[in-house]
């Protein structure tokens, strides 16, 4: 049974720091642990286990907190800014820009869903449904994983 009072090991701390820096669990695992002779699937599994470890997850959250507080943007602020931009575009009779700002407001509010269709080995569709708020890195990671799986 694990002792809950025990601090993170040096490697767990190194993993947490690397994860916050790289935002990639496998890269963080490689930076913190000796993984040269490990299979990629093993590295991914071990990195996933570390991310799920309560103390590692808490440390990552702690490390991210100051950065998150600095860049905190609320949905309300974002929607207000987009509305201001839309209104300015309308006042300047720039209707295309106004429409784009309104579409961006709808996406930020979750009214629109972007769909990406990628074909598999059998040329059948593999559909992903991602909300507009999904980060670009998540989209890229999903595309890469699907591409690797289809190879």
Protein backbone atom coordinates (compact mmCIF):
# COMPACT_ATOMS: atom_id res chain seq x y z
CA UNK A 1 0.00 0.00 0.00
CA UNK A 2 1.33 3.42 -0.95
CA UNK A 3 2.24 5.91 1.74
CA UNK A 4 0.21 9.10 1.10
CA UNK A 5 2.66 11.25 3.08
CA UNK A 6 5.60 10.35 0.85
CA UNK A 7 6.64 13.16 -1.53
CA UNK A 8 7.16 12.63 -5.24
CA UNK A 9 10.30 10.86 -6.29
CA UNK A 10 12.91 12.85 -8.20
CA UNK A 11 11.83 11.14 -11.41
CA UNK A 12 8.14 11.87 -10.78
CA UNK A 13 9.00 15.52 -10.14
CA UNK A 14 11.13 15.61 -13.30
CA UNK A 15 8.22 14.07 -15.24
CA UNK A 16 5.78 16.70 -13.90
CA UNK A 17 8.15 19.55 -14.80
CA UNK A 18 8.80 18.13 -18.27
CA UNK A 19 5.09 17.54 -18.86
CA UNK A 20 4.25 21.16 -18.03
CA UNK A 21 7.04 22.32 -20.34
CA UNK A 22 6.39 19.99 -23.31
CA UNK A 23 2.67 19.25 -22.89
CA UNK A 24 3.46 15.74 -24.13
CA UNK A 25 3.39 12.83 -21.70
CA UNK A 26 5.65 10.55 -23.72
CA UNK A 27 8.26 13.30 -24.22
CA UNK A 28 8.09 14.03 -20.49
CA UNK A 29 8.54 10.35 -19.67
CA UNK A 30 11.57 10.12 -21.97
CA UNK A 31 13.06 13.22 -20.31
CA UNK A 32 12.57 11.92 -16.77
CA UNK A 33 13.19 8.20 -17.12
CA UNK A 34 15.66 5.97 -18.94
CA UNK A 35 13.45 4.95 -21.83
CA UNK A 36 15.91 4.38 -24.69
CA UNK A 37 15.28 0.62 -24.80
CA UNK A 38 11.53 0.82 -24.20
CA UNK A 39 8.88 0.28 -26.86
CA UNK A 40 6.78 3.36 -27.71
CA UNK A 41 3.64 1.61 -26.44
CA UNK A 42 5.34 0.91 -23.11
CA UNK A 43 6.47 4.53 -22.80
CA UNK A 44 2.94 5.72 -23.56
CA UNK A 45 1.45 3.31 -20.99
CA UNK A 46 3.91 4.32 -18.26
CA UNK A 47 3.43 8.02 -19.02
CA UNK A 48 -0.35 7.54 -18.82
CA UNK A 49 0.00 5.81 -15.46
CA UNK A 50 2.09 8.71 -14.17
CA UNK A 51 -0.47 11.26 -15.34
CA UNK A 52 -3.14 9.28 -13.48
CA UNK A 53 -1.06 9.11 -10.28
CA UNK A 54 -2.86 11.43 -7.81
CA UNK A 55 0.29 13.10 -6.50
CA UNK A 56 1.80 13.60 -9.95
CA UNK A 57 -1.50 15.01 -11.24
CA UNK A 58 -1.70 17.36 -8.24
CA UNK A 59 1.88 18.53 -8.84
CA UNK A 60 1.17 19.21 -12.52
CA UNK A 61 -1.91 21.19 -11.52
CA UNK A 62 0.17 23.11 -8.98
CA UNK A 63 2.84 23.90 -11.57
CA UNK A 64 0.25 25.10 -14.09
CA UNK A 65 -1.72 27.27 -11.63
CA UNK A 66 0.37 30.48 -11.87
CA UNK A 67 0.37 30.38 -15.68
CA UNK A 68 -3.33 29.63 -15.84
CA UNK A 69 -4.13 32.53 -13.53
CA UNK A 70 -2.15 34.96 -15.71
CA UNK A 71 -3.89 34.04 -18.94
CA UNK A 72 -7.35 33.35 -17.58
CA UNK A 73 -9.89 34.36 -20.18
CA UNK A 74 -13.49 33.77 -19.35
CA UNK A 75 -16.04 32.79 -21.93
CA UNK A 76 -17.99 35.92 -21.03
CA UNK A 77 -14.96 38.14 -21.78
CA UNK A 78 -14.29 36.32 -25.03
CA UNK A 79 -17.88 36.59 -26.22
CA UNK A 80 -17.99 40.26 -25.25
CA UNK A 81 -14.83 40.99 -27.25
CA UNK A 82 -16.19 39.16 -30.27
CA UNK A 83 -19.46 41.07 -30.01
CA UNK A 84 -17.55 44.37 -29.85
CA UNK A 85 -15.58 43.37 -32.97
CA UNK A 86 -18.79 42.37 -34.75
CA UNK A 87 -20.43 45.68 -33.89
CA UNK A 88 -17.38 47.63 -35.09
CA UNK A 89 -17.39 45.68 -38.36
CA UNK A 90 -21.09 46.39 -38.84
CA UNK A 91 -20.58 50.08 -38.14
CA UNK A 92 -17.88 50.14 -40.80
CA UNK A 93 -20.14 48.21 -43.22
CA UNK A 94 -17.68 45.32 -43.24
CA UNK A 95 -20.31 42.64 -43.32
CA UNK A 96 -17.99 39.72 -44.02
CA UNK A 97 -15.93 40.54 -40.94
CA UNK A 98 -19.12 40.93 -38.90
CA UNK A 99 -20.37 37.53 -40.03
CA UNK A 100 -17.00 35.93 -39.16
CA UNK A 101 -17.06 37.50 -35.70
CA UNK A 102 -20.59 36.21 -35.15
CA UNK A 103 -19.59 32.72 -36.29
CA UNK A 104 -16.63 32.85 -33.88
CA UNK A 105 -19.04 33.79 -31.07
CA UNK A 106 -21.24 30.82 -31.95
CA UNK A 107 -18.27 28.44 -31.98
CA UNK A 108 -17.01 29.77 -28.64
CA UNK A 109 -20.49 29.26 -27.21
CA UNK A 110 -20.55 25.67 -28.42
CA UNK A 111 -23.26 26.21 -31.03
CA UNK A 112 -21.11 24.80 -33.83
CA UNK A 113 -19.24 21.52 -34.06
CA UNK A 114 -16.35 21.07 -36.47
CA UNK A 115 -16.12 17.68 -38.11
CA UNK A 116 -13.00 16.05 -39.49
CA UNK A 117 -13.35 12.98 -41.64
CA UNK A 118 -10.35 10.77 -42.17
CA UNK A 119 -10.41 7.56 -44.14
CA UNK A 120 -9.02 4.35 -42.74
CA UNK A 121 -7.26 1.40 -44.33
CA UNK A 122 -10.48 0.19 -45.93
CA UNK A 123 -11.19 3.74 -47.19
CA UNK A 124 -14.15 3.89 -44.84
CA UNK A 125 -14.76 7.12 -42.93
CA UNK A 126 -13.39 7.67 -39.45
CA UNK A 127 -15.27 10.66 -38.11
CA UNK A 128 -14.05 12.80 -35.25
CA UNK A 129 -16.28 15.41 -33.69
CA UNK A 130 -14.34 18.19 -32.00
CA UNK A 131 -15.70 21.30 -30.40
CA UNK A 132 -14.15 24.56 -31.57
CA UNK A 133 -12.67 25.06 -28.13
CA UNK A 134 -10.45 21.99 -28.53
CA UNK A 135 -6.83 23.03 -28.62
CA UNK A 136 -4.84 22.85 -31.82
CA UNK A 137 -2.36 20.52 -30.16
CA UNK A 138 -5.15 18.06 -29.33
CA UNK A 139 -6.39 18.12 -32.92
CA UNK A 140 -2.87 17.58 -34.23
CA UNK A 141 -2.22 14.74 -31.79
CA UNK A 142 -5.44 13.00 -32.82
CA UNK A 143 -4.59 13.36 -36.51
CA UNK A 144 -1.10 11.96 -35.94
CA UNK A 145 -2.40 9.04 -33.90
CA UNK A 146 -4.96 8.17 -36.59
CA UNK A 147 -2.30 8.46 -39.27
CA UNK A 148 0.09 6.16 -37.36
CA UNK A 149 -2.70 3.65 -36.73
CA UNK A 150 -3.59 3.52 -40.43
CA UNK A 151 -0.02 2.92 -41.55
